[in-house]
Amino acid sequence: MAFLLHCFSSLKDKKGDTVKIIPKVIVLSLILLMTAGCGTLNSSLKKPQPEQQMSRDEKQIQVNPELAEKAKKTAGTVKGVKGCTAVVVNKDISTAIKVSGFDRLRLKPIKEEVHNKIKELNKDYNVHVTSDKKLFMQLQQIENQVNGPQEKPLTDIQKKVIKINKDIQG
């Protein structure tokens, strides 16, 4: 502001009087400062709204560790399954199984049997079964996050589970 005053104070008309543009510049700069200040006020008011919406979304996400544990136990009863992990988010039961050795020759029937047995637990849920090692590790990490302290928001967990379910279906 002082710079502008200095620049325009050196302007003189033909008689040697300072030009009357200085008050106009001052008024214009004040108007610009006030409108810029008002713009930042409005943007700060809009920031809490997405956070409030995320908390509403998280309330709608349901995680069911008890049903996940039942699904794990059920999958473990199938002959050929050496290990398993499960996560239940909303109406999806996502299960990963470990099948090794000669049992891998019967992989498709084993996966179908695991699917059918888990589906019997609750027919209202969509069941997803995989034997992919990478997806097994990802589901295991999510299971640990769900059962442990809630460090990540439920929306992140839901997004990961949705991606895994898409990968399971191919």
Protein backbone atom coordinates (compact mmCIF):
# COMPACT_ATOMS: atom_id res chain seq x y z
CA MET A 1 0.00 0.00 0.00
CA ALA A 2 2.83 2.38 0.91
CA PHE A 3 4.51 1.45 -2.36
CA LEU A 4 1.42 2.50 -4.32
CA LEU A 5 1.25 5.80 -2.45
CA HIS A 6 4.91 6.45 -3.18
CA CYS A 7 4.49 5.67 -6.88
CA PHE A 8 1.42 7.84 -7.35
CA SER A 9 2.66 10.70 -5.17
CA SER A 10 5.30 11.45 -7.77
CA LEU A 11 2.60 12.10 -10.38
CA LYS A 12 2.14 15.81 -10.91
CA ASP A 13 -0.05 17.67 -13.31
CA LYS A 14 1.08 20.61 -15.47
CA LYS A 15 0.80 23.10 -12.61
CA GLY A 16 2.92 20.97 -10.28
CA ASP A 17 0.01 19.80 -8.10
CA THR A 18 -0.25 16.13 -7.24
CA VAL A 19 -2.80 14.32 -9.28
CA LYS A 20 -6.11 13.51 -7.63
CA ILE A 21 -5.69 9.83 -8.49
CA ILE A 22 -4.23 8.96 -5.10
CA PRO A 23 -7.59 8.91 -3.25
CA LYS A 24 -9.03 6.75 -6.01
CA VAL A 25 -6.18 4.24 -5.70
CA ILE A 26 -6.59 4.12 -1.93
CA VAL A 27 -10.33 3.50 -2.18
CA LEU A 28 -9.82 0.85 -4.85
CA SER A 29 -7.16 -0.99 -2.82
CA LEU A 30 -9.37 -0.93 0.30
CA ILE A 31 -12.27 -2.41 -1.66
CA LEU A 32 -10.00 -5.16 -2.98
CA LEU A 33 -8.71 -5.95 0.51
CA MET A 34 -12.22 -6.13 1.95
CA THR A 35 -13.53 -8.41 -0.79
CA ALA A 36 -10.51 -10.69 -0.50
CA GLY A 37 -11.04 -10.91 3.25
CA CYS A 38 -14.70 -11.83 2.79
CA GLY A 39 -13.78 -14.56 0.30
CA THR A 40 -11.57 -16.38 2.79
CA LEU A 41 -14.29 -16.19 5.42
CA ASN A 42 -16.78 -18.00 3.17
CA SER A 43 -14.32 -20.73 2.20
CA SER A 44 -13.51 -21.49 5.85
CA LEU A 45 -17.21 -21.96 6.58
CA LYS A 46 -17.51 -24.56 3.84
CA LYS A 47 -14.68 -26.78 5.11
CA PRO A 48 -16.52 -28.53 7.99
CA GLN A 49 -19.33 -29.71 5.74
CA PRO A 50 -17.36 -32.54 4.02
CA GLU A 51 -16.09 -33.69 7.41
CA GLN A 52 -19.66 -33.84 8.71
CA GLN A 53 -20.72 -35.80 5.65
CA MET A 54 -17.89 -38.32 6.13
CA SER A 55 -18.97 -38.93 9.72
CA ARG A 56 -22.51 -39.62 8.44
CA ASP A 57 -21.10 -42.03 5.85
CA GLU A 58 -19.08 -43.82 8.51
CA LYS A 59 -22.21 -44.28 10.61
CA GLN A 60 -23.85 -46.07 7.67
CA ILE A 61 -20.93 -48.50 7.28
CA GLN A 62 -21.46 -51.63 9.35
CA VAL A 63 -18.61 -53.95 10.28
CA ASN A 64 -19.52 -57.30 11.83
CA PRO A 65 -16.49 -59.01 13.44
CA GLU A 66 -18.64 -61.73 15.04
CA LEU A 67 -20.01 -62.91 11.69
CA ALA A 68 -16.51 -62.67 10.22
CA GLU A 69 -15.22 -64.98 12.96
CA LYS A 70 -18.04 -67.47 12.25
CA ALA A 71 -17.17 -67.35 8.55
CA LYS A 72 -13.51 -68.06 9.34
CA LYS A 73 -14.41 -71.04 11.52
CA THR A 74 -16.79 -72.35 8.87
CA ALA A 75 -14.18 -72.02 6.11
CA GLY A 76 -11.63 -73.77 8.32
CA THR A 77 -13.85 -76.85 8.56
CA VAL A 78 -13.60 -77.52 4.81
CA LYS A 79 -11.11 -80.25 3.95
CA GLY A 80 -8.05 -78.79 2.23
CA VAL A 81 -8.24 -75.30 3.78
CA LYS A 82 -5.01 -74.63 5.72
CA GLY A 83 -5.78 -71.05 6.75
CA CYS A 84 -8.44 -68.42 6.29
CA THR A 85 -9.36 -64.83 6.99
CA ALA A 86 -12.66 -63.00 6.70
CA VAL A 87 -14.07 -59.49 6.86
CA VAL A 88 -17.74 -58.47 6.93
CA VAL A 89 -18.56 -54.94 5.74
CA ASN A 90 -22.22 -54.01 5.25
CA LYS A 91 -23.80 -56.96 3.41
CA ASP A 92 -20.58 -58.50 2.03
CA ILE A 93 -18.64 -61.38 3.54
CA SER A 94 -15.16 -61.40 2.04
CA THR A 95 -13.16 -64.55 2.72
CA ALA A 96 -9.68 -65.61 1.67
CA ILE A 97 -8.44 -69.17 2.09
CA LYS A 98 -5.06 -70.87 1.94
CA VAL A 99 -4.97 -74.14 0.05
CA SER A 100 -1.63 -75.87 -0.46
CA GLY A 101 -0.08 -79.02 -1.84
CA PHE A 102 -2.18 -81.51 -3.74
CA ASP A 103 -5.34 -79.86 -2.41
CA ARG A 104 -4.74 -77.09 -4.98
CA LEU A 105 -5.81 -79.61 -7.63
CA ARG A 106 -9.29 -79.46 -6.05
CA LEU A 107 -9.24 -75.66 -5.67
CA LYS A 108 -12.49 -74.92 -7.46
CA PRO A 109 -14.60 -77.46 -5.50
CA ILE A 110 -12.99 -76.30 -2.24
CA LYS A 111 -13.86 -72.65 -2.98
CA GLU A 112 -17.43 -73.62 -3.89
CA GLU A 113 -17.83 -75.62 -0.68
CA VAL A 114 -16.48 -72.73 1.41
CA HIS A 115 -18.84 -70.36 -0.41
CA ASN A 116 -21.88 -72.58 0.16
CA LYS A 117 -21.13 -73.18 3.85
CA ILE A 118 -20.62 -69.48 4.54
CA LYS A 119 -23.77 -68.60 2.59
CA GLU A 120 -25.71 -70.93 4.93
CA LEU A 121 -24.66 -68.78 7.91
CA ASN A 122 -26.71 -65.85 6.62
CA LYS A 123 -28.40 -65.87 3.24
CA ASP A 124 -28.86 -62.06 3.26
CA TYR A 125 -25.13 -61.50 2.72
CA ASN A 126 -23.10 -61.61 -0.50
CA VAL A 127 -20.23 -64.07 -0.12
CA HIS A 128 -16.87 -63.59 -1.85
CA VAL A 129 -14.21 -66.32 -1.65
CA THR A 130 -10.66 -66.19 -2.99
CA SER A 131 -7.50 -68.25 -2.72
CA ASP A 132 -5.21 -65.51 -4.09
CA LYS A 133 -2.22 -64.96 -1.77
CA LYS A 134 -2.07 -61.21 -2.31
CA LEU A 135 -5.78 -60.76 -1.58
CA PHE A 136 -5.38 -63.07 1.44
CA MET A 137 -2.73 -60.72 2.88
CA GLN A 138 -4.84 -57.63 2.14
CA LEU A 139 -7.93 -59.11 3.80
CA GLN A 140 -5.83 -60.19 6.78
CA GLN A 141 -4.55 -56.62 7.20
CA ILE A 142 -8.10 -55.27 7.04
CA GLU A 143 -9.25 -57.89 9.54
CA ASN A 144 -6.50 -56.78 11.95
CA GLN A 145 -7.53 -53.14 11.49
CA VAL A 146 -11.18 -53.95 12.17
CA ASN A 147 -10.41 -56.05 15.26
CA GLY A 148 -7.71 -53.71 16.57
CA PRO A 149 -7.83 -50.03 17.44
CA GLN A 150 -9.67 -47.92 14.85
CA GLU A 151 -6.77 -46.00 13.28
CA LYS A 152 -8.22 -45.72 9.77
CA PRO A 153 -11.69 -44.41 9.00
CA LEU A 154 -14.32 -46.97 8.07
CA THR A 155 -14.73 -45.36 4.65
CA ASP A 156 -11.12 -46.31 3.79
CA ILE A 157 -11.71 -49.88 4.95
CA GLN A 158 -14.91 -50.07 2.92
CA LYS A 159 -13.14 -48.82 -0.22
CA LYS A 160 -10.42 -51.46 0.19
CA VAL A 161 -12.97 -54.25 0.69
CA ILE A 162 -14.94 -53.14 -2.37
CA LYS A 163 -11.74 -53.20 -4.45
CA ILE A 164 -10.84 -56.67 -3.14
CA ASN A 165 -14.34 -57.96 -3.95
CA LYS A 166 -14.01 -56.63 -7.50
CA ASP A 167 -10.64 -58.36 -7.80
CA ILE A 168 -12.16 -61.63 -6.53
CA GLN A 169 -14.87 -61.54 -9.17
CA GLY A 170 -12.26 -60.92 -11.86
